[in-house]
Amino acid sequence: MASILDTSDSSEKKQLVGASFRHRRGEGGGGGALTGMIRVEKVLGRSVATTVYARYPLKYLLPSKVASSRVDCVWIYAISYGGGILSNDAISQAVEVGGDGCSVVMTTQSSTKIYKPRMPGDMAQQLLRARVAENGFLALLPHPITCFRASRYVQLQEFVLALDASLLLVDWFTSGRINSGETWDFELYRSTNHVFLEEEAEPEEAQEEESPENPNAGSEAQESGGGSVASIVTLDCAGGSGRSKSQLRPGHSSSRSRSCRPLLLDCVHLENGVGLSIAERMAGFHVMAMVVLYGPRLQELRKNMESKVEEMTKQAFNQRTSSAFTASLKKDKEKNHHHHHHHNNNPTAAAATESSLPTAASSDGDHGSHGDGVSSNCASPLPLIFASCSPIGVSDEGLVVRIIARSTETVYDFLTEQLATVVSLIGACPYSSSR
């Protein structure tokens, strides 16, 4: 069995991340060191980051004054040098959130820029593996990904949740730098999110883990010691059972064998050069987002967000007849196609048509001034934002919310309003200053 920090790949993961990622991690003789490692545990009744490790191109900041001292939560800012990820760069992180009510917020200081490839086929990649122990809470609340023209980006995020653990995940991206004439002009964007629930294995499964046919299980557990994350997790996506095995290292909360069942297996894949362009398919929308929430500490947020999405849906479709809505979509699609066609065939056309696009304060891609070029100054009769939601979990104790919007400002406002419910848990909302 492999540690959550183990960089050995199954065939499934080798398909999810490219060859450059495996090469950068040292496969074939390099040892495969992680780019970043975080472990948070309870120390004297408080959540404390007991392991913090990062190497280029990643850096962690752990400010102590984001949340009130009355709120027990560790805030971690993941920062890349230059504010983005270069083509062919690969960032791999492992995060362990302890039990007993440990709380962690991971965020970024601004939107993450994905730069143009230096060589054809180069790809920027990120891998995050996280485990949240019993009664722990992880909130992954980054600012959006902004892909530059011709860029290629792939990310894979895996979460393993123990009993009564809670997870709040926001995963979102924009159309690019509109002020620079870039609208859905990247080559590839793929984001995969897998969430697994940990449960006790059946007795025969536990016996199988300790059988003579698997003599290396114990030694692998010992080899993962030192400063590594405590849990030992194997996610076997290639198996036909849809389950995976995990085990906690002896000396921690449990050494019993456990299995994991999938809670959410999700992938967003956008690629230009296949059928209609992304810009044509987006029909004037510039932001896509997904919010995943699960666990006992987020039940109030789940109810509030479900009610809000229902209210937004009614408002959006009651404002216009079906024929008027269809006409609006068609008009926006034709307008966007006309701009995209002229931009590709006339390098000077961007300046001539930019006045018809949403405006922004700057073109550096920084969220603080909405420099990703996605503003809400749109004259289209289409609503600024659409949202849908689906329950997840055996008893619908979780929720997946999908959002498509015409501006980052609209999504920031939505997230700030909805996450007000969890400010008492995490001390602040990372999006409130971005409005």
Protein backbone atom coordinates (compact mmCIF):
# COMPACT_ATOMS: atom_id res chain seq x y z
CA MET A 1 0.00 0.00 0.00
CA ALA A 2 1.20 3.48 -0.80
CA SER A 3 1.41 6.59 1.33
CA ILE A 4 -0.64 9.60 0.38
CA LEU A 5 2.77 11.14 -0.19
CA ASP A 6 3.90 8.30 -2.39
CA THR A 7 4.46 9.49 -5.94
CA SER A 8 4.13 6.11 -7.62
CA ASP A 9 1.33 6.17 -10.19
CA SER A 10 -1.33 3.73 -11.21
CA SER A 11 -2.02 3.50 -14.92
CA GLU A 12 -5.14 5.58 -14.36
CA LYS A 13 -3.20 8.46 -12.81
CA LYS A 14 -0.63 8.33 -15.59
CA GLN A 15 -3.47 9.06 -17.96
CA LEU A 16 -4.75 11.92 -15.82
CA VAL A 17 -1.37 13.62 -15.58
CA GLY A 18 1.03 13.95 -18.48
CA ALA A 19 4.49 12.55 -19.08
CA SER A 20 6.13 15.83 -18.11
CA PHE A 21 4.56 15.58 -14.66
CA ARG A 22 6.00 12.12 -14.08
CA HIS A 23 9.37 13.26 -15.39
CA ARG A 24 9.46 16.30 -13.12
CA ARG A 25 8.62 14.14 -10.13
CA GLY A 26 11.67 12.05 -10.78
CA GLU A 27 10.14 8.81 -12.02
CA GLY A 28 12.73 6.53 -13.44
CA GLY A 29 15.39 7.27 -10.85
CA GLY A 30 14.79 10.56 -9.08
CA GLY A 31 12.85 9.67 -5.95
CA GLY A 32 9.75 11.68 -6.87
CA ALA A 33 9.80 14.33 -4.13
CA LEU A 34 6.62 16.32 -3.55
CA THR A 35 6.46 20.03 -4.28
CA GLY A 36 4.51 20.75 -1.10
CA MET A 37 3.44 18.99 2.08
CA ILE A 38 1.09 20.18 4.83
CA ARG A 39 0.05 18.41 8.01
CA VAL A 40 -2.25 19.97 10.63
CA GLU A 41 -2.87 18.42 14.04
CA LYS A 42 -4.36 19.32 17.40
CA VAL A 43 -1.70 20.63 19.79
CA LEU A 44 -2.84 21.74 23.25
CA GLY A 45 -6.39 22.03 21.99
CA ARG A 46 -5.57 24.17 18.93
CA SER A 47 -5.17 23.37 15.23
CA VAL A 48 -1.46 23.69 14.43
CA ALA A 49 0.50 23.12 11.22
CA THR A 50 3.08 20.59 12.43
CA THR A 51 4.55 19.88 8.98
CA VAL A 52 5.06 22.56 6.33
CA TYR A 53 7.29 21.87 3.37
CA ALA A 54 7.47 23.52 -0.05
CA ARG A 55 9.99 23.79 -2.83
CA TYR A 56 10.14 25.71 -6.10
CA PRO A 57 7.86 26.67 -7.77
CA LEU A 58 5.59 26.52 -4.70
CA LYS A 59 5.65 28.50 -1.47
CA TYR A 60 3.34 28.48 1.57
CA LEU A 61 2.37 31.45 3.72
CA LEU A 62 0.68 30.85 7.09
CA PRO A 63 -0.52 34.23 8.40
CA SER A 64 -1.67 34.26 12.00
CA LYS A 65 -4.12 37.17 11.87
CA VAL A 66 -6.56 36.24 9.10
CA ALA A 67 -9.05 34.75 11.51
CA SER A 68 -9.96 35.88 15.01
CA SER A 69 -8.05 34.22 17.83
CA ARG A 70 -11.40 32.87 19.00
CA VAL A 71 -11.64 30.79 15.79
CA ASP A 72 -9.56 27.61 15.72
CA CYS A 73 -8.49 27.42 12.09
CA VAL A 74 -5.17 27.33 10.24
CA TRP A 75 -5.00 29.49 7.11
CA ILE A 76 -2.57 28.47 4.37
CA TYR A 77 -1.83 30.48 1.23
CA ALA A 78 -0.33 28.46 -1.62
CA ILE A 79 1.76 30.79 -3.76
CA SER A 80 3.61 30.17 -6.98
CA TYR A 81 6.53 32.37 -7.99
CA GLY A 82 5.37 34.91 -10.56
CA GLY A 83 1.72 34.44 -9.62
CA GLY A 84 1.20 31.56 -12.00
CA ILE A 85 2.38 28.25 -13.40
CA LEU A 86 4.79 28.05 -16.29
CA SER A 87 4.26 25.56 -19.07
CA ASN A 88 5.78 22.19 -18.24
CA ASP A 89 5.82 23.02 -14.53
CA ALA A 90 4.28 20.39 -12.24
CA ILE A 91 3.12 21.08 -8.68
CA SER A 92 2.26 18.13 -6.42
CA GLN A 93 0.91 18.62 -2.90
CA ALA A 94 -0.10 16.33 -0.05
CA VAL A 95 -2.32 17.62 2.74
CA GLU A 96 -3.26 15.87 5.98
CA VAL A 97 -5.91 17.34 8.29
CA GLY A 98 -6.02 15.74 11.71
CA GLY A 99 -9.09 14.80 13.72
CA ASP A 100 -10.56 16.17 16.94
CA GLY A 101 -11.99 19.22 15.17
CA CYS A 102 -8.92 20.37 13.23
CA SER A 103 -9.82 23.07 10.70
CA VAL A 104 -7.77 24.20 7.69
CA VAL A 105 -8.35 26.76 4.95
CA MET A 106 -6.18 26.57 1.84
CA THR A 107 -6.44 29.50 -0.56
CA THR A 108 -4.41 31.66 -2.95
CA GLN A 109 -3.62 35.37 -2.92
CA SER A 110 -4.98 35.96 -6.42
CA SER A 111 -6.03 34.17 -9.56
CA THR A 112 -3.55 31.56 -10.73
CA LYS A 113 -2.26 32.35 -14.21
CA ILE A 114 -1.40 29.57 -16.63
CA TYR A 115 1.23 30.96 -18.98
CA LYS A 116 1.78 30.28 -22.67
CA PRO A 117 3.77 27.14 -23.49
CA ARG A 118 7.42 27.62 -24.30
CA MET A 119 7.43 24.55 -26.51
CA PRO A 120 4.56 22.92 -28.44
CA GLY A 121 2.79 20.37 -26.28
CA ASP A 122 4.08 21.76 -22.96
CA MET A 123 1.52 21.55 -20.18
CA ALA A 124 1.16 23.09 -16.72
CA GLN A 125 -0.05 20.56 -14.14
CA GLN A 126 -1.13 20.32 -10.51
CA LEU A 127 -1.81 17.30 -8.32
CA LEU A 128 -3.34 17.56 -4.84
CA ARG A 129 -3.97 14.61 -2.55
CA ALA A 130 -5.66 15.32 0.77
CA ARG A 131 -6.98 13.28 3.67
CA VAL A 132 -9.26 14.66 6.39
CA ALA A 133 -9.40 12.65 9.61
CA GLU A 134 -12.44 12.08 11.79
CA ASN A 135 -14.22 15.36 12.69
CA GLY A 136 -11.66 17.35 10.71
CA PHE A 137 -12.52 20.14 8.27
CA LEU A 138 -10.75 21.18 5.08
CA ALA A 139 -11.82 24.22 3.04
CA LEU A 140 -10.06 24.55 -0.33
CA LEU A 141 -11.00 28.07 -1.48
CA PRO A 142 -8.65 29.26 -4.24
CA HIS A 143 -9.17 32.21 -6.55
CA PRO A 144 -9.90 31.21 -10.15
CA ILE A 145 -7.55 29.74 -12.72
CA THR A 146 -6.90 32.08 -15.67
CA CYS A 147 -5.44 30.39 -18.73
CA PHE A 148 -3.49 32.50 -21.23
CA ARG A 149 -3.76 32.04 -24.98
CA ALA A 150 -2.53 28.65 -26.26
CA SER A 151 -1.90 27.39 -22.72
CA ARG A 152 -2.54 23.82 -21.63
CA TYR A 153 -3.49 23.00 -18.04
CA VAL A 154 -4.42 19.79 -16.22
CA GLN A 155 -5.15 19.34 -12.51
CA LEU A 156 -6.12 16.32 -10.43
CA GLN A 157 -7.44 16.68 -6.87
CA GLU A 158 -8.18 13.68 -4.65
CA PHE A 159 -9.79 13.84 -1.22
CA VAL A 160 -10.28 11.02 1.29
CA LEU A 161 -12.72 11.84 4.10
CA ALA A 162 -12.88 9.85 7.32
CA LEU A 163 -16.00 9.45 9.44
CA ASP A 164 -17.71 12.80 10.18
CA ALA A 165 -15.04 14.75 8.26
CA SER A 166 -16.13 17.86 6.37
CA LEU A 167 -14.96 19.23 3.03
CA LEU A 168 -15.66 22.56 1.30
CA LEU A 169 -14.19 22.78 -2.20
CA VAL A 170 -14.37 25.61 -4.72
CA ASP A 171 -12.92 24.88 -8.16
CA TRP A 172 -13.30 27.55 -10.84
CA PHE A 173 -11.74 29.20 -13.87
CA THR A 174 -12.24 32.14 -16.23
CA SER A 175 -12.18 32.60 -20.00
CA GLY A 176 -8.80 34.36 -19.95
CA ARG A 177 -7.56 37.93 -20.31
CA ILE A 178 -10.30 39.69 -22.26
CA ASN A 179 -8.46 43.05 -22.13
CA SER A 180 -5.65 41.38 -24.04
CA GLY A 181 -8.07 40.04 -26.63
CA GLU A 182 -8.11 36.53 -25.15
CA THR A 183 -11.48 34.82 -24.70
CA TRP A 184 -11.46 31.04 -24.25
CA ASP A 185 -8.26 30.98 -26.33
CA PHE A 186 -6.41 28.34 -24.32
CA GLU A 187 -5.80 24.96 -25.94
CA LEU A 188 -6.74 22.68 -23.04
CA TYR A 189 -8.22 22.91 -19.56
CA ARG A 190 -8.97 19.76 -17.56
CA SER A 191 -9.85 19.63 -13.88
CA THR A 192 -10.57 16.30 -12.17
CA ASN A 193 -11.93 16.08 -8.63
CA HIS A 194 -12.36 12.76 -6.81
CA VAL A 195 -13.83 12.57 -3.31
CA PHE A 196 -13.82 9.28 -1.38
CA LEU A 197 -15.44 8.36 1.91
CA GLU A 198 -13.42 6.16 4.23
CA GLU A 199 -15.20 3.33 5.99
CA GLU A 200 -14.18 0.27 7.94
CA ALA A 201 -13.39 -2.70 5.72
CA GLU A 202 -15.15 -5.99 6.08
CA PRO A 203 -13.21 -8.53 8.21
CA GLU A 204 -12.27 -10.61 5.17
CA GLU A 205 -10.93 -7.45 3.46
CA ALA A 206 -8.80 -6.66 6.51
CA GLN A 207 -7.46 -10.21 6.51
CA GLU A 208 -6.60 -9.92 2.83
CA GLU A 209 -4.57 -6.75 3.53
CA GLU A 210 -2.46 -8.62 6.12
CA SER A 211 -2.18 -11.90 4.22
CA PRO A 212 1.20 -13.47 3.31
CA GLU A 213 0.45 -12.60 -0.32
CA ASN A 214 0.93 -8.94 0.62
CA PRO A 215 4.09 -9.05 2.79
CA ASN A 216 5.16 -5.49 1.97
CA ALA A 217 2.17 -3.74 3.51
CA GLY A 218 3.76 -3.34 6.94
CA SER A 219 7.19 -2.34 5.67
CA GLU A 220 5.67 0.29 3.38
CA ALA A 221 3.87 1.74 6.37
CA GLN A 222 7.10 2.02 8.32
CA GLU A 223 8.99 3.53 5.38
CA SER A 224 6.48 6.35 5.18
CA GLY A 225 7.47 7.61 8.63
CA GLY A 226 9.48 10.67 9.55
CA GLY A 227 7.95 13.93 8.43
CA SER A 228 5.49 12.34 6.04
CA VAL A 229 1.75 12.56 6.29
CA ALA A 230 0.33 9.96 8.63
CA SER A 231 -2.23 8.21 6.51
CA ILE A 232 -1.44 5.50 4.03
CA VAL A 233 -3.92 5.67 1.19
CA THR A 234 -4.23 3.70 -2.00
CA LEU A 235 -6.77 4.93 -4.54
CA ASP A 236 -7.18 2.21 -7.13
CA CYS A 237 -9.35 3.80 -9.80
CA ALA A 238 -8.67 0.94 -12.20
CA GLY A 239 -10.41 -1.64 -10.03
CA GLY A 240 -13.81 -2.89 -11.05
CA SER A 241 -15.29 -2.63 -7.56
CA GLY A 242 -15.28 1.16 -7.46
CA ARG A 243 -13.60 1.03 -4.06
CA SER A 244 -10.11 1.61 -2.80
CA LYS A 245 -8.12 0.63 0.26
CA SER A 246 -6.62 2.84 2.93
CA GLN A 247 -4.84 2.20 6.18
CA LEU A 248 -3.68 4.45 8.98
CA ARG A 249 -0.10 4.08 10.11
CA PRO A 250 0.29 2.38 13.51
CA GLY A 251 0.79 4.86 16.31
CA HIS A 252 -1.90 7.25 15.06
CA SER A 253 -5.66 7.21 15.45
CA SER A 254 -6.15 3.66 14.17
CA SER A 255 -4.32 0.82 12.51
CA ARG A 256 -7.41 -0.99 11.28
CA SER A 257 -7.78 -1.55 7.59
CA ARG A 258 -10.33 0.65 5.86
CA SER A 259 -11.87 0.87 2.43
CA CYS A 260 -12.98 3.95 0.52
CA ARG A 261 -16.09 4.34 -1.58
CA PRO A 262 -16.42 7.14 -4.12
CA LEU A 263 -18.59 10.11 -3.19
CA LEU A 264 -17.85 12.27 -6.24
CA LEU A 265 -15.96 11.54 -9.46
CA ASP A 266 -15.98 14.67 -11.57
CA CYS A 267 -14.03 15.97 -14.57
CA VAL A 268 -14.34 19.21 -16.56
CA HIS A 269 -12.58 18.99 -19.92
CA LEU A 270 -12.47 21.89 -22.40
CA GLU A 271 -10.33 21.67 -25.49
CA ASN A 272 -10.06 23.84 -28.58
CA GLY A 273 -9.61 22.26 -31.96
CA VAL A 274 -12.31 19.64 -31.39
CA GLY A 275 -15.65 20.57 -32.97
CA LEU A 276 -16.94 24.03 -32.11
CA SER A 277 -14.51 26.35 -30.38
CA ILE A 278 -14.88 26.80 -26.63
CA ALA A 279 -15.88 30.44 -27.17
CA GLU A 280 -18.75 29.41 -29.43
CA ARG A 281 -19.96 26.81 -26.94
CA MET A 282 -19.83 29.25 -24.02
CA ALA A 283 -22.22 31.67 -25.73
CA GLY A 284 -21.02 34.81 -23.96
CA PHE A 285 -20.32 33.32 -20.52
CA HIS A 286 -16.85 33.79 -19.06
CA VAL A 287 -16.66 31.90 -15.76
CA MET A 288 -17.31 28.31 -14.74
CA ALA A 289 -17.29 27.17 -11.12
CA MET A 290 -18.07 24.16 -8.99
CA VAL A 291 -18.70 24.13 -5.24
CA VAL A 292 -18.61 20.82 -3.34
CA LEU A 293 -19.62 20.66 0.30
CA TYR A 294 -19.98 17.64 2.51
CA GLY A 295 -20.00 16.79 6.20
CA PRO A 296 -21.73 17.60 9.48
CA ARG A 297 -20.09 21.01 9.89
CA LEU A 298 -21.56 22.30 6.64
CA GLN A 299 -25.21 21.35 6.94
CA GLU A 300 -26.40 24.92 7.41
CA LEU A 301 -24.42 26.01 4.36
CA ARG A 302 -25.87 23.12 2.37
CA LYS A 303 -29.45 24.14 3.16
CA ASN A 304 -28.83 27.84 2.49
CA MET A 305 -27.03 27.22 -0.80
CA GLU A 306 -29.67 24.80 -2.03
CA SER A 307 -32.38 27.37 -1.30
CA LYS A 308 -30.39 30.12 -2.99
CA VAL A 309 -29.85 28.09 -6.17
CA GLU A 310 -33.55 27.22 -6.30
CA GLU A 311 -34.42 30.91 -5.95
CA MET A 312 -31.91 31.92 -8.67
CA THR A 313 -33.27 29.29 -11.05
CA LYS A 314 -36.85 30.50 -10.65
CA GLN A 315 -35.85 34.12 -11.17
CA ALA A 316 -33.75 33.36 -14.25
CA PHE A 317 -36.48 31.48 -16.08
CA ASN A 318 -39.44 33.57 -14.96
CA GLN A 319 -37.94 36.79 -16.35
CA ARG A 320 -38.41 35.77 -19.97
CA THR A 321 -40.35 33.43 -22.18
CA SER A 322 -38.62 30.39 -23.56
CA SER A 323 -38.50 31.88 -27.08
CA ALA A 324 -36.97 35.15 -25.85
CA PHE A 325 -34.35 33.27 -23.88
CA THR A 326 -33.43 31.13 -26.89
CA ALA A 327 -33.16 34.24 -29.06
CA SER A 328 -30.82 35.86 -26.52
CA LEU A 329 -28.57 32.82 -26.49
CA LYS A 330 -28.46 32.72 -30.29
CA LYS A 331 -27.66 36.43 -30.54
CA ASP A 332 -24.84 36.20 -28.00
CA LYS A 333 -23.44 33.10 -29.70
CA GLU A 334 -23.37 34.80 -33.12
CA LYS A 335 -21.79 37.93 -31.64
CA ASN A 336 -19.11 35.90 -29.86
CA HIS A 337 -18.41 33.83 -33.01
CA HIS A 338 -18.06 37.01 -35.09
CA HIS A 339 -15.51 38.46 -32.63
CA HIS A 340 -13.58 35.20 -32.35
CA HIS A 341 -13.41 34.77 -36.16
CA HIS A 342 -12.10 38.29 -36.73
CA HIS A 343 -9.64 38.03 -33.86
CA ASN A 344 -8.11 34.87 -35.33
CA ASN A 345 -7.83 36.27 -38.84
CA ASN A 346 -6.89 39.87 -38.08
CA PRO A 347 -4.37 40.54 -35.30
CA THR A 348 -5.43 44.18 -35.15
CA ALA A 349 -9.11 43.38 -34.77
CA ALA A 350 -8.91 42.94 -30.99
CA ALA A 351 -8.53 46.66 -30.38
CA ALA A 352 -11.40 47.48 -32.75
CA THR A 353 -13.81 45.05 -31.11
CA GLU A 354 -12.72 45.37 -27.50
CA SER A 355 -15.26 48.11 -26.83
CA SER A 356 -18.02 45.53 -27.34
CA LEU A 357 -16.50 43.22 -24.71
CA PRO A 358 -16.71 43.44 -20.92
CA THR A 359 -14.19 45.90 -19.56
CA ALA A 360 -11.66 45.43 -16.79
CA ALA A 361 -9.38 47.61 -14.77
CA SER A 362 -6.14 46.00 -15.84
CA SER A 363 -4.75 43.20 -17.99
CA ASP A 364 -2.32 41.48 -15.66
CA GLY A 365 -4.74 38.73 -14.64
CA ASP A 366 -4.87 39.76 -10.98
CA HIS A 367 -8.21 39.19 -9.29
CA GLY A 368 -7.92 42.25 -7.10
CA SER A 369 -8.76 44.53 -10.01
CA HIS A 370 -10.53 41.76 -11.94
CA GLY A 371 -7.65 41.88 -14.36
CA ASP A 372 -8.70 38.57 -15.85
CA GLY A 373 -10.78 40.87 -17.99
CA VAL A 374 -14.11 39.38 -16.97
CA SER A 375 -16.33 42.18 -15.77
CA SER A 376 -20.08 42.45 -15.33
CA ASN A 377 -20.55 45.41 -17.69
CA CYS A 378 -22.52 43.38 -20.22
CA ALA A 379 -25.47 44.66 -22.20
CA SER A 380 -26.89 41.21 -22.99
CA PRO A 381 -30.38 40.40 -21.62
CA LEU A 382 -29.05 37.05 -20.41
CA PRO A 383 -28.82 36.63 -16.64
CA LEU A 384 -25.35 37.26 -15.23
CA ILE A 385 -25.25 33.89 -13.53
CA PHE A 386 -26.84 30.46 -13.73
CA ALA A 387 -26.54 27.80 -11.05
CA SER A 388 -27.69 24.24 -10.50
CA CYS A 389 -27.23 21.86 -7.59
CA SER A 390 -27.29 18.13 -6.95
CA PRO A 391 -27.26 16.30 -3.61
CA ILE A 392 -24.53 13.76 -2.91
CA GLY A 393 -24.12 11.15 -0.19
CA VAL A 394 -26.24 8.26 0.98
CA SER A 395 -28.56 10.59 2.90
CA ASP A 396 -28.04 13.67 0.67
CA GLU A 397 -25.74 15.14 3.31
CA GLY A 398 -23.59 16.82 0.67
CA LEU A 399 -24.16 19.13 -2.27
CA VAL A 400 -22.54 19.92 -5.62
CA VAL A 401 -23.27 23.37 -7.04
CA ARG A 402 -22.33 24.19 -10.63
CA ILE A 403 -22.15 27.79 -11.76
CA ILE A 404 -21.71 29.54 -15.08
CA ALA A 405 -21.49 33.32 -15.12
CA ARG A 406 -20.71 36.28 -17.31
CA SER A 407 -18.26 37.87 -14.87
CA THR A 408 -15.91 37.02 -12.03
CA GLU A 409 -17.48 39.81 -9.96
CA THR A 410 -20.81 37.97 -10.04
CA VAL A 411 -19.23 34.73 -8.83
CA TYR A 412 -17.23 36.54 -6.15
CA ASP A 413 -20.46 38.11 -4.90
CA PHE A 414 -22.24 34.75 -4.90
CA LEU A 415 -19.45 33.01 -3.00
CA THR A 416 -19.05 35.83 -0.48
CA GLU A 417 -22.77 35.83 0.27
CA GLN A 418 -23.04 32.06 0.60
CA LEU A 419 -19.83 31.45 2.56
CA ALA A 420 -20.91 33.94 5.21
CA THR A 421 -22.45 30.91 6.90
CA VAL A 422 -19.03 29.32 7.52
CA VAL A 423 -17.18 32.46 8.66
CA SER A 424 -17.84 31.33 12.23
CA LEU A 425 -15.87 28.15 11.41
CA ILE A 426 -12.96 29.63 9.46
CA GLY A 427 -12.85 33.24 10.72
CA ALA A 428 -13.07 35.07 7.37
CA CYS A 429 -14.08 34.70 3.72
CA PRO A 430 -11.15 34.80 1.27
CA TYR A 431 -13.39 36.26 -1.43
CA SER A 432 -14.90 39.21 0.46
CA SER A 433 -12.02 41.59 -0.37
CA SER A 434 -12.34 40.77 -4.08
CA ARG A 435 -15.76 42.28 -4.59
